[in-house]
Amino acid sequence: MPAKSKAQQKAAGAALSAKRGDTPKSELKGASREMYDSMSEKQLEDFAEGSRKGKPEHVD
């Protein structure tokens, strides 16, 4: 399931980076911290992939 907004993609990308060990978990905040705890690496990859072009910054 791909992200519906740019903000969701950015948060998923940050969580994926921490999941892979590239970024310390302590640097995660908000949605990215929740995604790190609740989603698998594969789910994060699916959520973060795709183009950001044409997506809104935030979704209600």
Protein backbone atom coordinates (compact mmCIF):
# COMPACT_ATOMS: atom_id res chain seq x y z
CA MET A 1 0.00 0.00 0.00
CA PRO A 2 1.74 3.20 -1.11
CA ALA A 3 1.65 6.40 0.92
CA LYS A 4 -1.03 8.96 0.12
CA SER A 5 1.04 12.05 0.94
CA LYS A 6 4.61 13.32 0.84
CA ALA A 7 4.71 13.48 4.63
CA GLN A 8 3.78 9.79 4.92
CA GLN A 9 6.52 8.84 2.46
CA LYS A 10 9.13 10.88 4.33
CA ALA A 11 8.14 9.34 7.67
CA ALA A 12 8.24 5.84 6.21
CA GLY A 13 11.65 6.53 4.68
CA ALA A 14 13.03 7.73 8.01
CA ALA A 15 11.65 4.67 9.80
CA LEU A 16 13.07 2.37 7.12
CA SER A 17 16.49 3.98 7.48
CA ALA A 18 16.43 3.34 11.23
CA LYS A 19 15.15 -0.22 10.73
CA ARG A 20 18.15 -0.91 8.48
CA GLY A 21 20.55 0.62 11.00
CA ASP A 22 21.55 3.63 8.90
CA THR A 23 19.98 6.13 11.32
CA PRO A 24 19.76 5.86 15.12
CA LYS A 25 16.27 5.07 16.41
CA SER A 26 16.66 7.93 18.91
CA GLU A 27 16.47 10.43 16.03
CA LEU A 28 12.95 9.32 15.07
CA LYS A 29 9.97 11.42 16.17
CA GLY A 30 6.21 11.26 15.79
CA ALA A 31 4.86 9.20 12.91
CA SER A 32 8.23 7.77 11.92
CA ARG A 33 8.73 6.42 15.48
CA GLU A 34 5.29 4.79 15.39
CA MET A 35 5.96 3.31 11.96
CA TYR A 36 9.32 1.92 13.15
CA ASP A 37 7.62 0.13 16.04
CA SER A 38 4.55 -1.15 14.21
CA MET A 39 5.65 -1.98 10.64
CA SER A 40 8.02 -4.52 9.12
CA GLU A 41 10.87 -3.54 6.79
CA LYS A 42 8.88 -4.83 3.80
CA GLN A 43 5.82 -2.77 4.78
CA LEU A 44 7.97 0.33 5.15
CA GLU A 45 9.54 -0.28 1.73
CA ASP A 46 6.09 -0.55 0.14
CA PHE A 47 4.89 2.59 1.91
CA ALA A 48 7.94 4.69 1.02
CA GLU A 49 8.33 3.67 -2.62
CA GLY A 50 6.99 5.57 -5.58
CA SER A 51 7.06 9.10 -6.84
CA ARG A 52 6.16 12.06 -4.65
CA LYS A 53 5.12 14.05 -7.71
CA GLY A 54 1.46 15.01 -7.61
CA LYS A 55 0.90 13.97 -4.00
CA PRO A 56 -0.29 16.49 -1.44
CA GLU A 57 2.06 17.45 1.41
CA HIS A 58 -0.43 16.22 4.02
CA VAL A 59 -3.69 14.24 4.00
CA ASP A 60 -6.53 14.91 6.43
